[in-house]
Amino acid sequence: MPRDTVRPLWQQDLLVAVLALLALIAWDASGADLWAVRQVGSAEGFAWREHWLTSSVLHQGGRAAGWLVFAVLLVGIWKPLPFARPLPRAARVWWVGATLACVALIPLLKARSLSSCPWDLAEFGGSAQYVSHWLRGVADGGSGRCFPSGHASAAFAFVSGWFALRVHAPRAARCWLLGVLLAGLVFGGAQMLRGAHYPSHTAWTGWICWVLCAGLSQFIPALRARPNGGTLAA
C-alpha cells in the first residue's frame, strides 16, 4: 500500500475502538451474558468455582504470571529482551507505565461498580437480581464491585506492548498482541466458568485497556518514530 494511503495510527486505533465498542453494545443488548453463565451454572452454584485448574492455576497462577511479566518489562527498561531491543528507552519506560495505568484503572472502576458477579445471583444460590451494568446507580441486591473484570486485566493490561512495539518491531508486536488476546480470553473463560464474571466483563476490560493505551501512546513521539528517524502519522 502506498505510504500516502496508509491510515494514520491514531485513526487505526480509533477504528478498532469504535468497531469493538459497537460489538460490545450489541452483545450487551442481546442478553447473551445471562445465557452464557446459565450454561455453566445451576441453582447449586458453579461447579468450576473452586476447581484447581480455574481457581489455583488460571486465577491465582495467572495473576502471579502477570506480575512476573511486568517484572521482566521493568527490568527490560535497562536490559530489554532481544525482541524489544529496537525500542528506544522512552518507549520501554512508556510500556511499563501504560501497563501500570491499566492495572490501576480497572480496580478503580470495579470499586465504583454496583454490578455483582454471576455467583451472587439468586438463581445461582446468591441473593442478587440481574441488573445490566448500563443502568448506572441501580443496585442489584448483591455485593457489587464486579465490573469490569479485574482478573482479565492481568492479561489485557499488556496490550500496551502492541503500541510500544508496532513501529520498531512490527512482527514482535503482532505476536505479542496475539498472546495477550489469547491470555485474556483464557483468563476470562476461566472466570466465567467459576461464576466470577460475565463474558462482557472480560471484553470491556480489554476495550478499556486498548483505549487507554491508544490514548497514552499519542503523547510519546518515540512510539511514532521510524527506526531511520522519520515519523509515522499519528
C-alpha atoms as a PDB file:
ATOM      1  CA  MET A   1       0.000   0.000   0.000  1.00  0.00           C
ATOM      2  CA  PRO A   2       1.480   3.394  -0.944  1.00  0.00           C
ATOM      3  CA  ARG A   3       2.562   5.453   2.019  1.00  0.00           C
ATOM      4  CA  ASP A   4       0.059   8.249   1.345  1.00  0.00           C
ATOM      5  CA  THR A   5      -2.825   5.766   1.520  1.00  0.00           C
ATOM      6  CA  VAL A   6      -1.786   4.245   4.864  1.00  0.00           C
ATOM      7  CA  ARG A   7      -4.252   5.195   7.570  1.00  0.00           C
ATOM      8  CA  PRO A   8      -2.570   7.194  10.384  1.00  0.00           C
ATOM      9  CA  LEU A   9      -2.006   5.226  13.566  1.00  0.00           C
ATOM     10  CA  TRP A  10      -4.491   7.206  15.623  1.00  0.00           C
ATOM     11  CA  GLN A  11      -7.162   6.564  13.011  1.00  0.00           C
ATOM     12  CA  GLN A  12      -6.400   2.841  13.050  1.00  0.00           C
ATOM     13  CA  ASP A  13      -6.656   2.798  16.834  1.00  0.00           C
ATOM     14  CA  LEU A  14      -9.898   4.772  16.798  1.00  0.00           C
ATOM     15  CA  LEU A  15     -11.426   2.487  14.176  1.00  0.00           C
ATOM     16  CA  VAL A  16     -10.623  -0.600  16.246  1.00  0.00           C
ATOM     17  CA  ALA A  17     -12.060   1.052  19.363  1.00  0.00           C
ATOM     18  CA  VAL A  18     -15.289   2.091  17.637  1.00  0.00           C
ATOM     19  CA  LEU A  19     -15.871  -1.287  15.980  1.00  0.00           C
ATOM     20  CA  ALA A  20     -15.180  -3.106  19.233  1.00  0.00           C
ATOM     21  CA  LEU A  21     -17.498  -0.734  21.097  1.00  0.00           C
ATOM     22  CA  LEU A  22     -20.311  -1.435  18.647  1.00  0.00           C
ATOM     23  CA  ALA A  23     -19.765  -5.174  19.076  1.00  0.00           C
ATOM     24  CA  LEU A  24     -19.842  -4.804  22.856  1.00  0.00           C
ATOM     25  CA  ILE A  25     -23.043  -2.775  22.762  1.00  0.00           C
ATOM     26  CA  ALA A  26     -24.645  -5.386  20.512  1.00  0.00           C
ATOM     27  CA  TRP A  27     -23.575  -8.169  22.885  1.00  0.00           C
ATOM     28  CA  ASP A  28     -24.932  -6.348  25.924  1.00  0.00           C
ATOM     29  CA  ALA A  29     -28.221  -5.619  24.151  1.00  0.00           C
ATOM     30  CA  SER A  30     -28.624  -9.289  23.202  1.00  0.00           C
ATOM     31  CA  GLY A  31     -28.748 -10.532  26.785  1.00  0.00           C
ATOM     32  CA  ALA A  32     -26.130 -13.136  25.926  1.00  0.00           C
ATOM     33  CA  ASP A  33     -24.307 -12.649  29.233  1.00  0.00           C
ATOM     34  CA  LEU A  34     -27.018 -14.418  31.195  1.00  0.00           C
ATOM     35  CA  TRP A  35     -27.357 -17.120  28.555  1.00  0.00           C
ATOM     36  CA  ALA A  36     -23.617 -17.813  28.737  1.00  0.00           C
ATOM     37  CA  VAL A  37     -23.381 -18.162  32.517  1.00  0.00           C
ATOM     38  CA  ARG A  38     -26.528 -20.286  32.622  1.00  0.00           C
ATOM     39  CA  GLN A  39     -24.689 -22.861  30.525  1.00  0.00           C
ATOM     40  CA  VAL A  40     -22.148 -23.389  33.311  1.00  0.00           C
ATOM     41  CA  GLY A  41     -24.106 -22.504  36.471  1.00  0.00           C
ATOM     42  CA  SER A  42     -27.054 -24.008  38.329  1.00  0.00           C
ATOM     43  CA  ALA A  43     -29.106 -23.432  41.465  1.00  0.00           C
ATOM     44  CA  GLU A  44     -26.256 -25.080  43.382  1.00  0.00           C
ATOM     45  CA  GLY A  45     -23.761 -22.566  42.039  1.00  0.00           C
ATOM     46  CA  PHE A  46     -20.809 -23.054  39.719  1.00  0.00           C
ATOM     47  CA  ALA A  47     -19.043 -26.410  39.699  1.00  0.00           C
ATOM     48  CA  TRP A  48     -15.803 -24.847  38.471  1.00  0.00           C
ATOM     49  CA  ARG A  49     -15.671 -22.155  41.165  1.00  0.00           C
ATOM     50  CA  GLU A  50     -13.065 -23.902  43.339  1.00  0.00           C
ATOM     51  CA  HIS A  51     -11.649 -26.292  40.739  1.00  0.00           C
ATOM     52  CA  TRP A  52      -7.862 -26.447  40.884  1.00  0.00           C
ATOM     53  CA  LEU A  53      -7.496 -25.531  37.212  1.00  0.00           C
ATOM     54  CA  THR A  54      -9.705 -22.454  37.192  1.00  0.00           C
ATOM     55  CA  SER A  55      -9.062 -21.287  40.756  1.00  0.00           C
ATOM     56  CA  SER A  56      -5.445 -22.185  41.509  1.00  0.00           C
ATOM     57  CA  VAL A  57      -3.836 -22.344  38.074  1.00  0.00           C
ATOM     58  CA  LEU A  58      -5.702 -19.833  35.915  1.00  0.00           C
ATOM     59  CA  HIS A  59      -6.802 -17.382  38.617  1.00  0.00           C
ATOM     60  CA  GLN A  60      -4.061 -17.316  41.240  1.00  0.00           C
ATOM     61  CA  GLY A  61      -1.382 -18.576  38.872  1.00  0.00           C
ATOM     62  CA  GLY A  62      -2.486 -16.214  36.128  1.00  0.00           C
ATOM     63  CA  ARG A  63      -2.210 -13.243  38.458  1.00  0.00           C
ATOM     64  CA  ALA A  64       1.289 -14.309  39.508  1.00  0.00           C
ATOM     65  CA  ALA A  65       2.278 -14.782  35.866  1.00  0.00           C
ATOM     66  CA  GLY A  66       1.093 -11.270  35.087  1.00  0.00           C
ATOM     67  CA  TRP A  67       3.298  -9.756  37.774  1.00  0.00           C
ATOM     68  CA  LEU A  68       6.215 -11.865  36.561  1.00  0.00           C
ATOM     69  CA  VAL A  69       5.819 -10.489  33.043  1.00  0.00           C
ATOM     70  CA  PHE A  70       5.598  -6.986  34.475  1.00  0.00           C
ATOM     71  CA  ALA A  71       8.846  -7.552  36.389  1.00  0.00           C
ATOM     72  CA  VAL A  72      10.530  -8.630  33.149  1.00  0.00           C
ATOM     73  CA  LEU A  73       9.288  -5.452  31.441  1.00  0.00           C
ATOM     74  CA  LEU A  74      10.524  -3.343  34.342  1.00  0.00           C
ATOM     75  CA  VAL A  75      13.996  -4.863  34.188  1.00  0.00           C
ATOM     76  CA  GLY A  76      13.743  -4.522  30.413  1.00  0.00           C
ATOM     77  CA  ILE A  77      13.961  -0.744  30.694  1.00  0.00           C
ATOM     78  CA  TRP A  78      17.687  -1.307  31.238  1.00  0.00           C
ATOM     79  CA  LYS A  79      18.119  -4.887  29.967  1.00  0.00           C
ATOM     80  CA  PRO A  80      15.460  -5.494  27.292  1.00  0.00           C
ATOM     81  CA  LEU A  81      14.635  -8.864  25.838  1.00  0.00           C
ATOM     82  CA  PRO A  82      16.020  -9.359  22.310  1.00  0.00           C
ATOM     83  CA  PHE A  83      12.765  -8.527  20.522  1.00  0.00           C
ATOM     84  CA  ALA A  84      12.463  -5.253  22.471  1.00  0.00           C
ATOM     85  CA  ARG A  85      15.993  -4.014  21.822  1.00  0.00           C
ATOM     86  CA  PRO A  86      14.987  -1.896  18.798  1.00  0.00           C
ATOM     87  CA  LEU A  87      12.798   0.208  21.096  1.00  0.00           C
ATOM     88  CA  PRO A  88      14.237   3.476  22.413  1.00  0.00           C
ATOM     89  CA  ARG A  89      14.325   3.628  26.200  1.00  0.00           C
ATOM     90  CA  ALA A  90      11.481   6.139  26.258  1.00  0.00           C
ATOM     91  CA  ALA A  91       9.241   3.547  24.604  1.00  0.00           C
ATOM     92  CA  ARG A  92      10.241   0.896  27.136  1.00  0.00           C
ATOM     93  CA  VAL A  93       9.515   3.258  30.020  1.00  0.00           C
ATOM     94  CA  TRP A  94       6.144   4.073  28.462  1.00  0.00           C
ATOM     95  CA  TRP A  95       5.404   0.353  28.112  1.00  0.00           C
ATOM     96  CA  VAL A  96       5.843  -0.164  31.848  1.00  0.00           C
ATOM     97  CA  GLY A  97       3.897   2.971  32.737  1.00  0.00           C
ATOM     98  CA  ALA A  98       0.968   2.214  30.438  1.00  0.00           C
ATOM     99  CA  THR A  99       0.725  -1.316  31.799  1.00  0.00           C
ATOM    100  CA  LEU A 100       0.599   0.056  35.335  1.00  0.00           C
ATOM    101  CA  ALA A 101      -2.055   2.567  34.299  1.00  0.00           C
ATOM    102  CA  CYS A 102      -4.279  -0.260  33.052  1.00  0.00           C
ATOM    103  CA  VAL A 103      -3.693  -2.327  36.175  1.00  0.00           C
ATOM    104  CA  ALA A 104      -4.616   0.685  38.326  1.00  0.00           C
ATOM    105  CA  LEU A 105      -7.655   1.862  36.356  1.00  0.00           C
ATOM    106  CA  ILE A 106      -9.620  -1.389  36.250  1.00  0.00           C
ATOM    107  CA  PRO A 107      -9.782  -1.852  40.063  1.00  0.00           C
ATOM    108  CA  LEU A 108     -10.807   1.791  40.442  1.00  0.00           C
ATOM    109  CA  LEU A 109     -13.717   1.220  38.074  1.00  0.00           C
ATOM    110  CA  LYS A 110     -14.638  -2.020  39.846  1.00  0.00           C
ATOM    111  CA  ALA A 111     -14.703  -0.305  43.227  1.00  0.00           C
ATOM    112  CA  ARG A 112     -17.398   2.094  41.987  1.00  0.00           C
ATOM    113  CA  SER A 113     -19.489  -0.568  40.261  1.00  0.00           C
ATOM    114  CA  LEU A 114     -22.821  -1.749  41.654  1.00  0.00           C
ATOM    115  CA  SER A 115     -22.841  -4.807  39.364  1.00  0.00           C
ATOM    116  CA  SER A 116     -22.489  -8.110  41.191  1.00  0.00           C
ATOM    117  CA  CYS A 117     -20.829 -11.272  39.941  1.00  0.00           C
ATOM    118  CA  PRO A 118     -22.845 -14.145  38.447  1.00  0.00           C
ATOM    119  CA  TRP A 119     -22.294 -16.287  41.535  1.00  0.00           C
ATOM    120  CA  ASP A 120     -24.134 -13.614  43.552  1.00  0.00           C
ATOM    121  CA  LEU A 121     -27.367 -14.050  41.569  1.00  0.00           C
ATOM    122  CA  ALA A 122     -30.321 -15.684  43.309  1.00  0.00           C
ATOM    123  CA  GLU A 123     -30.714 -18.230  40.525  1.00  0.00           C
ATOM    124  CA  PHE A 124     -27.196 -19.479  41.292  1.00  0.00           C
ATOM    125  CA  GLY A 125     -27.609 -19.605  45.063  1.00  0.00           C
ATOM    126  CA  GLY A 126     -26.932 -15.955  45.902  1.00  0.00           C
ATOM    127  CA  SER A 127     -29.218 -13.041  46.704  1.00  0.00           C
ATOM    128  CA  ALA A 128     -28.823 -10.579  43.807  1.00  0.00           C
ATOM    129  CA  GLN A 129     -31.036  -9.983  40.799  1.00  0.00           C
ATOM    130  CA  TYR A 130     -29.502  -9.386  37.399  1.00  0.00           C
ATOM    131  CA  VAL A 131     -29.199  -5.693  36.541  1.00  0.00           C
ATOM    132  CA  SER A 132     -27.393  -4.536  33.405  1.00  0.00           C
ATOM    133  CA  HIS A 133     -24.209  -2.579  34.045  1.00  0.00           C
ATOM    134  CA  TRP A 134     -25.678   0.066  31.725  1.00  0.00           C
ATOM    135  CA  LEU A 135     -28.131   1.003  34.478  1.00  0.00           C
ATOM    136  CA  ARG A 136     -25.811   3.286  36.410  1.00  0.00           C
ATOM    137  CA  GLY A 137     -26.649   3.785  40.070  1.00  0.00           C
ATOM    138  CA  VAL A 138     -29.079   0.846  40.226  1.00  0.00           C
ATOM    139  CA  ALA A 139     -28.123  -1.733  42.857  1.00  0.00           C
ATOM    140  CA  ASP A 140     -28.897  -5.400  42.240  1.00  0.00           C
ATOM    141  CA  GLY A 141     -29.065  -6.549  45.856  1.00  0.00           C
ATOM    142  CA  GLY A 142     -25.632  -8.143  45.808  1.00  0.00           C
ATOM    143  CA  SER A 143     -22.161  -7.096  46.865  1.00  0.00           C
ATOM    144  CA  GLY A 144     -21.413  -5.286  43.598  1.00  0.00           C
ATOM    145  CA  ARG A 145     -17.865  -4.292  42.626  1.00  0.00           C
ATOM    146  CA  CYS A 146     -17.623  -6.887  39.865  1.00  0.00           C
ATOM    147  CA  PHE A 147     -17.480  -4.815  36.665  1.00  0.00           C
ATOM    148  CA  PRO A 148     -15.228  -4.785  34.687  1.00  0.00           C
ATOM    149  CA  SER A 149     -13.115  -7.919  35.148  1.00  0.00           C
ATOM    150  CA  GLY A 150     -10.060  -7.332  37.278  1.00  0.00           C
ATOM    151  CA  HIS A 151      -8.505 -10.685  36.514  1.00  0.00           C
ATOM    152  CA  ALA A 152      -8.687 -10.119  32.764  1.00  0.00           C
ATOM    153  CA  SER A 153      -6.527  -7.039  33.257  1.00  0.00           C
ATOM    154  CA  ALA A 154      -3.691  -9.378  34.256  1.00  0.00           C
ATOM    155  CA  ALA A 155      -3.573 -10.124  30.532  1.00  0.00           C
ATOM    156  CA  PHE A 156      -5.160  -7.169  28.763  1.00  0.00           C
ATOM    157  CA  ALA A 157      -3.013  -4.594  30.585  1.00  0.00           C
ATOM    158  CA  PHE A 158      -0.170  -5.891  28.441  1.00  0.00           C
ATOM    159  CA  VAL A 159      -1.872  -4.734  25.259  1.00  0.00           C
ATOM    160  CA  SER A 160       0.457  -1.794  25.901  1.00  0.00           C
ATOM    161  CA  GLY A 161       3.132  -3.929  24.263  1.00  0.00           C
ATOM    162  CA  TRP A 162       1.370  -3.679  20.914  1.00  0.00           C
ATOM    163  CA  PHE A 163       1.614   0.096  20.968  1.00  0.00           C
ATOM    164  CA  ALA A 164       5.198   0.025  22.227  1.00  0.00           C
ATOM    165  CA  LEU A 165       6.438  -2.452  19.621  1.00  0.00           C
ATOM    166  CA  ARG A 166       4.408  -1.871  16.468  1.00  0.00           C
ATOM    167  CA  VAL A 167       6.628   0.811  14.891  1.00  0.00           C
ATOM    168  CA  HIS A 168      10.062  -0.521  15.832  1.00  0.00           C
ATOM    169  CA  ALA A 169       9.370  -4.278  15.885  1.00  0.00           C
ATOM    170  CA  PRO A 170       6.120  -4.940  13.993  1.00  0.00           C
ATOM    171  CA  ARG A 171       6.461  -8.717  13.830  1.00  0.00           C
ATOM    172  CA  ALA A 172       7.083  -8.935  17.558  1.00  0.00           C
ATOM    173  CA  ALA A 173       4.148  -6.571  18.100  1.00  0.00           C
ATOM    174  CA  ARG A 174       1.767  -8.868  16.237  1.00  0.00           C
ATOM    175  CA  CYS A 175       2.938 -11.922  18.167  1.00  0.00           C
ATOM    176  CA  TRP A 176       2.688 -10.020  21.441  1.00  0.00           C
ATOM    177  CA  LEU A 177      -0.844  -8.840  20.686  1.00  0.00           C
ATOM    178  CA  LEU A 178      -1.966 -12.347  19.768  1.00  0.00           C
ATOM    179  CA  GLY A 179      -0.531 -13.709  23.011  1.00  0.00           C
ATOM    180  CA  VAL A 180      -2.231 -11.002  25.075  1.00  0.00           C
ATOM    181  CA  LEU A 181      -5.606 -11.607  23.433  1.00  0.00           C
ATOM    182  CA  LEU A 182      -5.359 -15.366  23.902  1.00  0.00           C
ATOM    183  CA  ALA A 183      -4.356 -14.983  27.552  1.00  0.00           C
ATOM    184  CA  GLY A 184      -7.223 -12.566  28.129  1.00  0.00           C
ATOM    185  CA  LEU A 185      -9.711 -14.984  26.609  1.00  0.00           C
ATOM    186  CA  VAL A 186      -8.381 -17.872  28.701  1.00  0.00           C
ATOM    187  CA  PHE A 187      -8.477 -15.840  31.921  1.00  0.00           C
ATOM    188  CA  GLY A 188     -11.935 -14.538  31.079  1.00  0.00           C
ATOM    189  CA  GLY A 189     -13.199 -18.003  30.217  1.00  0.00           C
ATOM    190  CA  ALA A 190     -11.904 -19.384  33.499  1.00  0.00           C
ATOM    191  CA  GLN A 191     -13.631 -16.636  35.450  1.00  0.00           C
ATOM    192  CA  MET A 192     -16.905 -17.260  33.635  1.00  0.00           C
ATOM    193  CA  LEU A 193     -16.685 -20.968  34.463  1.00  0.00           C
ATOM    194  CA  ARG A 194     -16.149 -20.032  38.114  1.00  0.00           C
ATOM    195  CA  GLY A 195     -19.138 -17.679  38.071  1.00  0.00           C
ATOM    196  CA  ALA A 196     -16.891 -14.714  38.819  1.00  0.00           C
ATOM    197  CA  HIS A 197     -17.631 -12.710  35.667  1.00  0.00           C
ATOM    198  CA  TYR A 198     -19.871 -12.454  32.635  1.00  0.00           C
ATOM    199  CA  PRO A 199     -18.194 -12.577  29.204  1.00  0.00           C
ATOM    200  CA  SER A 200     -18.874  -8.865  28.759  1.00  0.00           C
ATOM    201  CA  HIS A 201     -16.871  -8.058  31.896  1.00  0.00           C
ATOM    202  CA  THR A 202     -13.813  -9.558  30.232  1.00  0.00           C
ATOM    203  CA  ALA A 203     -14.468  -7.869  26.906  1.00  0.00           C
ATOM    204  CA  TRP A 204     -14.962  -4.461  28.500  1.00  0.00           C
ATOM    205  CA  THR A 205     -11.665  -4.802  30.340  1.00  0.00           C
ATOM    206  CA  GLY A 206      -9.935  -5.468  27.031  1.00  0.00           C
ATOM    207  CA  TRP A 207     -11.644  -2.486  25.426  1.00  0.00           C
ATOM    208  CA  ILE A 208     -10.772  -0.134  28.278  1.00  0.00           C
ATOM    209  CA  CYS A 209      -7.123  -1.205  28.238  1.00  0.00           C
ATOM    210  CA  TRP A 210      -6.966  -0.715  24.461  1.00  0.00           C
ATOM    211  CA  VAL A 211      -8.485   2.764  24.588  1.00  0.00           C
ATOM    212  CA  LEU A 212      -6.290   3.836  27.492  1.00  0.00           C
ATOM    213  CA  CYS A 213      -3.082   2.638  25.827  1.00  0.00           C
ATOM    214  CA  ALA A 214      -4.082   4.116  22.467  1.00  0.00           C
ATOM    215  CA  GLY A 215      -4.676   7.473  24.112  1.00  0.00           C
ATOM    216  CA  LEU A 216      -1.466   7.416  26.129  1.00  0.00           C
ATOM    217  CA  SER A 217       0.579   6.464  23.067  1.00  0.00           C
ATOM    218  CA  GLN A 218      -0.267   9.783  21.434  1.00  0.00           C
ATOM    219  CA  PHE A 219       1.901  11.630  23.953  1.00  0.00           C
ATOM    220  CA  ILE A 220       5.122   9.721  23.218  1.00  0.00           C
ATOM    221  CA  PRO A 221       6.932  10.627  19.964  1.00  0.00           C
ATOM    222  CA  ALA A 222       9.158   7.546  20.374  1.00  0.00           C
ATOM    223  CA  LEU A 223       6.129   5.364  19.669  1.00  0.00           C
ATOM    224  CA  ARG A 224       5.677   7.040  16.292  1.00  0.00           C
ATOM    225  CA  ALA A 225       9.329   7.415  15.258  1.00  0.00           C
ATOM    226  CA  ARG A 226      10.634   5.263  12.440  1.00  0.00           C
ATOM    227  CA  PRO A 227      13.903   3.404  13.029  1.00  0.00           C
ATOM    228  CA  ASN A 228      15.520   5.610  10.346  1.00  0.00           C
ATOM    229  CA  GLY A 229      14.484   8.773  12.154  1.00  0.00           C
ATOM    230  CA  GLY A 230      11.273   9.576  10.268  1.00  0.00           C
ATOM    231  CA  THR A 231       7.842   9.623  11.846  1.00  0.00           C
ATOM    232  CA  LEU A 232       4.599   7.857  11.209  1.00  0.00           C
ATOM    233  CA  ALA A 233       1.417   9.858  11.030  1.00  0.00           C
ATOM    234  CA  ALA A 234      -0.285   9.604  14.375  1.00  0.00           C
END
